[in-house]
Amino acid sequence: MAHGAMPLTGINPNTRLARIILAFEEYEKQEKIRCGVDPYLGLPSITFTVIQSPPTGSPAQLNVMPAEAIAYIDIRTTPGQKHEIVKEKLQSILDNLADNDPDFKAELEFIEDRPVVSISKDEPIAAISAQAYKDVTGKNPIWNGVPGATDGTFLSAWKNIPCIVNGPGPRHIPHQIDEYVEIDEAYECAKIYALTVSRFLAPKSIDNP
């Protein structure tokens, strides 16, 4: 920490954090080129979602250079990436920045590592849901991926319960201003759910294998 009039008496964490942001952004670009576009999940991403300097709880003044800064990052991977390798690469980026700046000090903490899961189209719950969609809408189902996590992520990974994600509305609008779902789509989806559940739980027969 230092007075804004005498920045040379301290170490500016903000300029160091800026270097991290740019370096991680460059790594993200490299990974997008290396992995390409996944047919279900699109491109991998490294997104800085929160940047605080000084961190929450520390006093902030316009004429004071803070002692530290903190950033939160949301990383979304695709099947072409291994989480451990991504973690190692991010740490190596910080190590390289520190090698070129004796005053550079940064710590990397991974708060959560969510598992990657998938399901076969032939899995009963998937096949039944697909047929229900077709029966209700008259259209073939669109198979896609979900870049975010759901309860199904953990039920599938931790309890080996086959799960699908199926719902109304475009997937690009969550957490945006005026997030919405068309009423007709919600009603249509409710019918798909009801048909899926009734068929999935019904006794097996010739008509319901």
C-alpha atoms as a PDB file:
ATOM      1  CA  MET A   1       0.000   0.000   0.000  1.00  0.00           C
ATOM      2  CA  ALA A   2       1.238   3.485  -0.773  1.00  0.00           C
ATOM      3  CA  HIS A   3       0.065   7.067  -1.084  1.00  0.00           C
ATOM      4  CA  GLY A   4      -1.097   7.901  -4.589  1.00  0.00           C
ATOM      5  CA  ALA A   5       1.367  10.778  -4.646  1.00  0.00           C
ATOM      6  CA  MET A   6       4.252   8.419  -3.876  1.00  0.00           C
ATOM      7  CA  PRO A   7       3.546   5.167  -5.778  1.00  0.00           C
ATOM      8  CA  LEU A   8       7.237   4.267  -5.876  1.00  0.00           C
ATOM      9  CA  THR A   9       7.103   3.511  -2.155  1.00  0.00           C
ATOM     10  CA  GLY A  10       4.816   0.549  -2.764  1.00  0.00           C
ATOM     11  CA  ILE A  11       4.028  -2.189  -5.281  1.00  0.00           C
ATOM     12  CA  ASN A  12       1.037  -1.637  -7.552  1.00  0.00           C
ATOM     13  CA  PRO A  13      -1.053  -4.841  -7.648  1.00  0.00           C
ATOM     14  CA  ASN A  14      -3.307  -3.497 -10.377  1.00  0.00           C
ATOM     15  CA  THR A  15      -0.666  -3.385 -13.093  1.00  0.00           C
ATOM     16  CA  ARG A  16       0.389  -6.925 -12.165  1.00  0.00           C
ATOM     17  CA  LEU A  17      -3.207  -8.109 -12.329  1.00  0.00           C
ATOM     18  CA  ALA A  18      -3.541  -6.456 -15.733  1.00  0.00           C
ATOM     19  CA  ARG A  19      -0.614  -8.550 -16.961  1.00  0.00           C
ATOM     20  CA  ILE A  20      -2.316 -11.683 -15.676  1.00  0.00           C
ATOM     21  CA  ILE A  21      -5.530 -10.800 -17.487  1.00  0.00           C
ATOM     22  CA  LEU A  22      -3.717 -10.257 -20.780  1.00  0.00           C
ATOM     23  CA  ALA A  23      -1.637 -13.422 -20.382  1.00  0.00           C
ATOM     24  CA  PHE A  24      -4.684 -15.559 -19.584  1.00  0.00           C
ATOM     25  CA  GLU A  25      -6.515 -13.986 -22.518  1.00  0.00           C
ATOM     26  CA  GLU A  26      -3.661 -15.005 -24.823  1.00  0.00           C
ATOM     27  CA  TYR A  27      -3.797 -18.564 -23.474  1.00  0.00           C
ATOM     28  CA  GLU A  28      -7.552 -18.598 -24.096  1.00  0.00           C
ATOM     29  CA  LYS A  29      -6.958 -17.592 -27.728  1.00  0.00           C
ATOM     30  CA  GLN A  30      -4.412 -20.385 -28.136  1.00  0.00           C
ATOM     31  CA  GLU A  31      -6.809 -22.954 -26.689  1.00  0.00           C
ATOM     32  CA  LYS A  32      -9.625 -21.826 -28.984  1.00  0.00           C
ATOM     33  CA  ILE A  33      -7.368 -22.387 -31.973  1.00  0.00           C
ATOM     34  CA  ARG A  34      -6.080 -25.719 -30.669  1.00  0.00           C
ATOM     35  CA  CYS A  35      -9.450 -27.159 -29.648  1.00  0.00           C
ATOM     36  CA  GLY A  36     -11.629 -25.650 -32.342  1.00  0.00           C
ATOM     37  CA  VAL A  37     -15.403 -25.506 -32.091  1.00  0.00           C
ATOM     38  CA  ASP A  38     -16.960 -28.438 -30.270  1.00  0.00           C
ATOM     39  CA  PRO A  39     -20.222 -29.481 -31.995  1.00  0.00           C
ATOM     40  CA  TYR A  40     -22.106 -29.410 -28.689  1.00  0.00           C
ATOM     41  CA  LEU A  41     -20.282 -26.914 -26.464  1.00  0.00           C
ATOM     42  CA  GLY A  42     -18.686 -24.443 -28.853  1.00  0.00           C
ATOM     43  CA  LEU A  43     -15.400 -22.796 -27.840  1.00  0.00           C
ATOM     44  CA  PRO A  44     -13.563 -23.019 -24.510  1.00  0.00           C
ATOM     45  CA  SER A  45     -13.375 -19.821 -22.480  1.00  0.00           C
ATOM     46  CA  ILE A  46     -11.499 -18.118 -19.656  1.00  0.00           C
ATOM     47  CA  THR A  47     -13.597 -15.238 -18.323  1.00  0.00           C
ATOM     48  CA  PHE A  48     -12.657 -12.747 -15.614  1.00  0.00           C
ATOM     49  CA  THR A  49     -15.996 -12.191 -13.847  1.00  0.00           C
ATOM     50  CA  VAL A  50     -15.001 -10.215 -10.727  1.00  0.00           C
ATOM     51  CA  ILE A  51     -12.046  -7.872 -10.200  1.00  0.00           C
ATOM     52  CA  GLN A  52     -11.591  -6.133  -6.846  1.00  0.00           C
ATOM     53  CA  SER A  53      -8.822  -3.773  -5.803  1.00  0.00           C
ATOM     54  CA  PRO A  54      -8.605  -3.597  -2.891  1.00  0.00           C
ATOM     55  CA  PRO A  55     -10.511  -6.788  -2.055  1.00  0.00           C
ATOM     56  CA  THR A  56     -13.917  -6.545  -0.374  1.00  0.00           C
ATOM     57  CA  GLY A  57     -13.592  -5.488   3.253  1.00  0.00           C
ATOM     58  CA  SER A  58     -10.436  -3.460   2.747  1.00  0.00           C
ATOM     59  CA  PRO A  59     -10.634   0.353   2.830  1.00  0.00           C
ATOM     60  CA  ALA A  60     -10.555   2.013  -0.571  1.00  0.00           C
ATOM     61  CA  GLN A  61      -9.428   5.588  -1.224  1.00  0.00           C
ATOM     62  CA  LEU A  62      -8.922   7.479  -4.446  1.00  0.00           C
ATOM     63  CA  ASN A  63      -5.491   8.664  -3.349  1.00  0.00           C
ATOM     64  CA  VAL A  64      -4.210   5.324  -2.023  1.00  0.00           C
ATOM     65  CA  MET A  65      -2.615   2.553  -4.058  1.00  0.00           C
ATOM     66  CA  PRO A  66      -3.987  -0.718  -2.618  1.00  0.00           C
ATOM     67  CA  ALA A  67      -1.778  -3.440  -1.221  1.00  0.00           C
ATOM     68  CA  GLU A  68      -3.455  -6.245  -3.123  1.00  0.00           C
ATOM     69  CA  ALA A  69      -6.034  -7.097  -5.758  1.00  0.00           C
ATOM     70  CA  ILE A  70      -8.186 -10.149  -6.324  1.00  0.00           C
ATOM     71  CA  ALA A  71      -9.906 -11.570  -9.384  1.00  0.00           C
ATOM     72  CA  TYR A  72     -12.356 -14.394  -9.943  1.00  0.00           C
ATOM     73  CA  ILE A  73     -12.283 -16.396 -13.150  1.00  0.00           C
ATOM     74  CA  ASP A  74     -14.903 -18.628 -14.745  1.00  0.00           C
ATOM     75  CA  ILE A  75     -13.272 -21.287 -16.933  1.00  0.00           C
ATOM     76  CA  ARG A  76     -15.376 -23.377 -19.320  1.00  0.00           C
ATOM     77  CA  THR A  77     -13.668 -26.310 -20.978  1.00  0.00           C
ATOM     78  CA  THR A  78     -14.516 -28.579 -23.892  1.00  0.00           C
ATOM     79  CA  PRO A  79     -13.720 -32.295 -24.399  1.00  0.00           C
ATOM     80  CA  GLY A  80     -10.386 -31.434 -26.022  1.00  0.00           C
ATOM     81  CA  GLN A  81      -9.026 -30.097 -22.724  1.00  0.00           C
ATOM     82  CA  LYS A  82      -7.853 -31.796 -19.539  1.00  0.00           C
ATOM     83  CA  HIS A  83      -8.501 -29.848 -16.358  1.00  0.00           C
ATOM     84  CA  GLU A  84      -5.173 -30.710 -14.756  1.00  0.00           C
ATOM     85  CA  ILE A  85      -3.271 -29.463 -17.805  1.00  0.00           C
ATOM     86  CA  VAL A  86      -5.266 -26.217 -17.813  1.00  0.00           C
ATOM     87  CA  LYS A  87      -4.461 -25.690 -14.130  1.00  0.00           C
ATOM     88  CA  GLU A  88      -0.769 -26.366 -14.702  1.00  0.00           C
ATOM     89  CA  LYS A  89      -0.669 -23.955 -17.638  1.00  0.00           C
ATOM     90  CA  LEU A  90      -2.286 -21.132 -15.679  1.00  0.00           C
ATOM     91  CA  GLN A  91       0.188 -21.629 -12.852  1.00  0.00           C
ATOM     92  CA  SER A  92       3.092 -21.645 -15.305  1.00  0.00           C
ATOM     93  CA  ILE A  93       1.877 -18.317 -16.690  1.00  0.00           C
ATOM     94  CA  LEU A  94       2.047 -16.813 -13.203  1.00  0.00           C
ATOM     95  CA  ASP A  95       5.487 -18.335 -12.665  1.00  0.00           C
ATOM     96  CA  ASN A  96       6.765 -16.789 -15.903  1.00  0.00           C
ATOM     97  CA  LEU A  97       5.405 -13.372 -14.951  1.00  0.00           C
ATOM     98  CA  ALA A  98       7.125 -13.638 -11.573  1.00  0.00           C
ATOM     99  CA  ASP A  99      10.421 -14.572 -13.225  1.00  0.00           C
ATOM    100  CA  ASN A 100      10.363 -11.253 -15.088  1.00  0.00           C
ATOM    101  CA  ASP A 101       9.312  -9.100 -12.137  1.00  0.00           C
ATOM    102  CA  PRO A 102      10.817  -9.537  -8.645  1.00  0.00           C
ATOM    103  CA  ASP A 103       7.875  -7.637  -7.152  1.00  0.00           C
ATOM    104  CA  PHE A 104       5.269  -9.870  -8.794  1.00  0.00           C
ATOM    105  CA  LYS A 105       3.464 -12.057  -6.261  1.00  0.00           C
ATOM    106  CA  ALA A 106       0.320 -13.971  -7.173  1.00  0.00           C
ATOM    107  CA  GLU A 107      -1.498 -16.991  -5.794  1.00  0.00           C
ATOM    108  CA  LEU A 108      -3.853 -19.185  -7.794  1.00  0.00           C
ATOM    109  CA  GLU A 109      -6.661 -20.973  -5.950  1.00  0.00           C
ATOM    110  CA  PHE A 110      -9.195 -23.257  -7.622  1.00  0.00           C
ATOM    111  CA  ILE A 111     -12.451 -22.940  -5.707  1.00  0.00           C
ATOM    112  CA  GLU A 112     -14.303 -25.673  -7.553  1.00  0.00           C
ATOM    113  CA  ASP A 113     -13.625 -28.167 -10.325  1.00  0.00           C
ATOM    114  CA  ARG A 114     -16.861 -29.437 -11.799  1.00  0.00           C
ATOM    115  CA  PRO A 115     -16.850 -32.738 -13.679  1.00  0.00           C
ATOM    116  CA  VAL A 116     -17.544 -33.156 -17.377  1.00  0.00           C
ATOM    117  CA  VAL A 117     -20.432 -35.514 -18.129  1.00  0.00           C
ATOM    118  CA  SER A 118     -22.149 -36.874 -21.225  1.00  0.00           C
ATOM    119  CA  ILE A 119     -24.928 -39.273 -22.104  1.00  0.00           C
ATOM    120  CA  SER A 120     -25.582 -41.577 -25.044  1.00  0.00           C
ATOM    121  CA  LYS A 121     -28.581 -40.861 -27.271  1.00  0.00           C
ATOM    122  CA  ASP A 122     -29.485 -44.531 -26.782  1.00  0.00           C
ATOM    123  CA  GLU A 123     -29.821 -44.162 -23.012  1.00  0.00           C
ATOM    124  CA  PRO A 124     -33.517 -44.813 -22.174  1.00  0.00           C
ATOM    125  CA  ILE A 125     -34.172 -41.407 -20.598  1.00  0.00           C
ATOM    126  CA  ALA A 126     -32.589 -39.672 -23.595  1.00  0.00           C
ATOM    127  CA  ALA A 127     -34.397 -41.759 -26.211  1.00  0.00           C
ATOM    128  CA  ILE A 128     -37.767 -41.441 -24.464  1.00  0.00           C
ATOM    129  CA  SER A 129     -37.357 -37.688 -24.044  1.00  0.00           C
ATOM    130  CA  ALA A 130     -36.391 -37.313 -27.701  1.00  0.00           C
ATOM    131  CA  GLN A 131     -39.490 -39.195 -28.817  1.00  0.00           C
ATOM    132  CA  ALA A 132     -41.679 -37.147 -26.479  1.00  0.00           C
ATOM    133  CA  TYR A 133     -40.253 -33.964 -27.980  1.00  0.00           C
ATOM    134  CA  LYS A 134     -41.037 -35.211 -31.474  1.00  0.00           C
ATOM    135  CA  ASP A 135     -44.561 -36.278 -30.527  1.00  0.00           C
ATOM    136  CA  VAL A 136     -45.377 -32.930 -28.913  1.00  0.00           C
ATOM    137  CA  THR A 137     -43.722 -30.584 -31.417  1.00  0.00           C
ATOM    138  CA  GLY A 138     -43.822 -32.630 -34.604  1.00  0.00           C
ATOM    139  CA  LYS A 139     -40.117 -31.865 -35.082  1.00  0.00           C
ATOM    140  CA  ASN A 140     -36.956 -33.873 -34.674  1.00  0.00           C
ATOM    141  CA  PRO A 141     -35.071 -33.128 -31.441  1.00  0.00           C
ATOM    142  CA  ILE A 142     -31.961 -30.967 -31.529  1.00  0.00           C
ATOM    143  CA  TRP A 143     -29.075 -32.600 -29.686  1.00  0.00           C
ATOM    144  CA  ASN A 144     -26.829 -30.081 -28.008  1.00  0.00           C
ATOM    145  CA  GLY A 145     -24.585 -29.495 -25.026  1.00  0.00           C
ATOM    146  CA  VAL A 146     -24.912 -27.330 -21.926  1.00  0.00           C
ATOM    147  CA  PRO A 147     -21.812 -25.235 -21.135  1.00  0.00           C
ATOM    148  CA  GLY A 148     -23.013 -24.575 -17.597  1.00  0.00           C
ATOM    149  CA  ALA A 149     -23.565 -27.026 -14.754  1.00  0.00           C
ATOM    150  CA  THR A 150     -26.919 -28.337 -13.516  1.00  0.00           C
ATOM    151  CA  ASP A 151     -27.961 -30.719 -10.740  1.00  0.00           C
ATOM    152  CA  GLY A 152     -27.716 -33.408 -13.406  1.00  0.00           C
ATOM    153  CA  THR A 153     -23.983 -32.767 -13.650  1.00  0.00           C
ATOM    154  CA  PHE A 154     -23.414 -34.022 -10.132  1.00  0.00           C
ATOM    155  CA  LEU A 155     -26.055 -36.750 -10.148  1.00  0.00           C
ATOM    156  CA  SER A 156     -24.412 -38.169 -13.249  1.00  0.00           C
ATOM    157  CA  ALA A 157     -20.801 -37.786 -12.106  1.00  0.00           C
ATOM    158  CA  TRP A 158     -21.169 -38.765  -8.447  1.00  0.00           C
ATOM    159  CA  LYS A 159     -24.057 -41.246  -8.489  1.00  0.00           C
ATOM    160  CA  ASN A 160     -23.862 -42.520 -12.075  1.00  0.00           C
ATOM    161  CA  ILE A 161     -27.494 -41.551 -12.716  1.00  0.00           C
ATOM    162  CA  PRO A 162     -28.154 -40.917 -16.441  1.00  0.00           C
ATOM    163  CA  CYS A 163     -29.336 -37.316 -16.827  1.00  0.00           C
ATOM    164  CA  ILE A 164     -30.422 -35.030 -19.631  1.00  0.00           C
ATOM    165  CA  VAL A 165     -30.966 -31.275 -19.730  1.00  0.00           C
ATOM    166  CA  ASN A 166     -34.120 -30.272 -21.560  1.00  0.00           C
ATOM    167  CA  GLY A 167     -35.961 -27.006 -21.211  1.00  0.00           C
ATOM    168  CA  PRO A 168     -37.570 -24.019 -22.927  1.00  0.00           C
ATOM    169  CA  GLY A 169     -35.904 -20.853 -24.137  1.00  0.00           C
ATOM    170  CA  PRO A 170     -32.626 -20.061 -25.915  1.00  0.00           C
ATOM    171  CA  ARG A 171     -29.577 -21.110 -23.928  1.00  0.00           C
ATOM    172  CA  HIS A 172     -27.687 -17.826 -24.444  1.00  0.00           C
ATOM    173  CA  ILE A 173     -29.965 -15.640 -22.277  1.00  0.00           C
ATOM    174  CA  PRO A 174     -29.415 -16.854 -18.674  1.00  0.00           C
ATOM    175  CA  HIS A 175     -28.113 -14.201 -16.223  1.00  0.00           C
ATOM    176  CA  GLN A 176     -28.848 -11.380 -18.667  1.00  0.00           C
ATOM    177  CA  ILE A 177     -31.069  -8.347 -18.211  1.00  0.00           C
ATOM    178  CA  ASP A 178     -34.695  -9.161 -19.060  1.00  0.00           C
ATOM    179  CA  GLU A 179     -34.048 -12.900 -19.010  1.00  0.00           C
ATOM    180  CA  TYR A 180     -37.215 -14.567 -20.257  1.00  0.00           C
ATOM    181  CA  VAL A 181     -38.927 -17.725 -21.504  1.00  0.00           C
ATOM    182  CA  GLU A 182     -41.774 -17.670 -24.004  1.00  0.00           C
ATOM    183  CA  ILE A 183     -45.014 -18.827 -22.359  1.00  0.00           C
ATOM    184  CA  ASP A 184     -45.864 -21.074 -25.304  1.00  0.00           C
ATOM    185  CA  GLU A 185     -42.465 -22.759 -25.023  1.00  0.00           C
ATOM    186  CA  ALA A 186     -42.887 -23.308 -21.284  1.00  0.00           C
ATOM    187  CA  TYR A 187     -46.311 -24.866 -21.853  1.00  0.00           C
ATOM    188  CA  GLU A 188     -44.953 -27.049 -24.652  1.00  0.00           C
ATOM    189  CA  CYS A 189     -42.036 -28.125 -22.472  1.00  0.00           C
ATOM    190  CA  ALA A 190     -44.382 -29.072 -19.623  1.00  0.00           C
ATOM    191  CA  LYS A 191     -46.174 -31.452 -21.972  1.00  0.00           C
ATOM    192  CA  ILE A 192     -42.842 -32.957 -23.034  1.00  0.00           C
ATOM    193  CA  TYR A 193     -41.892 -33.472 -19.385  1.00  0.00           C
ATOM    194  CA  ALA A 194     -45.216 -35.126 -18.591  1.00  0.00           C
ATOM    195  CA  LEU A 195     -45.007 -37.451 -21.574  1.00  0.00           C
ATOM    196  CA  THR A 196     -41.376 -38.316 -20.833  1.00  0.00           C
ATOM    197  CA  VAL A 197     -42.053 -39.129 -17.180  1.00  0.00           C
ATOM    198  CA  SER A 198     -45.172 -41.192 -17.899  1.00  0.00           C
ATOM    199  CA  ARG A 199     -43.343 -43.274 -20.487  1.00  0.00           C
ATOM    200  CA  PHE A 200     -40.134 -43.623 -18.501  1.00  0.00           C
ATOM    201  CA  LEU A 201     -41.934 -44.838 -15.388  1.00  0.00           C
ATOM    202  CA  ALA A 202     -44.521 -46.981 -17.187  1.00  0.00           C
ATOM    203  CA  PRO A 203     -44.194 -50.781 -17.051  1.00  0.00           C
ATOM    204  CA  LYS A 204     -42.166 -52.185 -19.927  1.00  0.00           C
ATOM    205  CA  SER A 205     -44.244 -53.533 -22.790  1.00  0.00           C
ATOM    206  CA  ILE A 206     -44.100 -54.072 -26.522  1.00  0.00           C
ATOM    207  CA  ASP A 207     -45.278 -50.489 -27.069  1.00  0.00           C
ATOM    208  CA  ASN A 208     -42.989 -49.128 -24.354  1.00  0.00           C
ATOM    209  CA  PRO A 209     -39.688 -51.102 -24.545  1.00  0.00           C
END
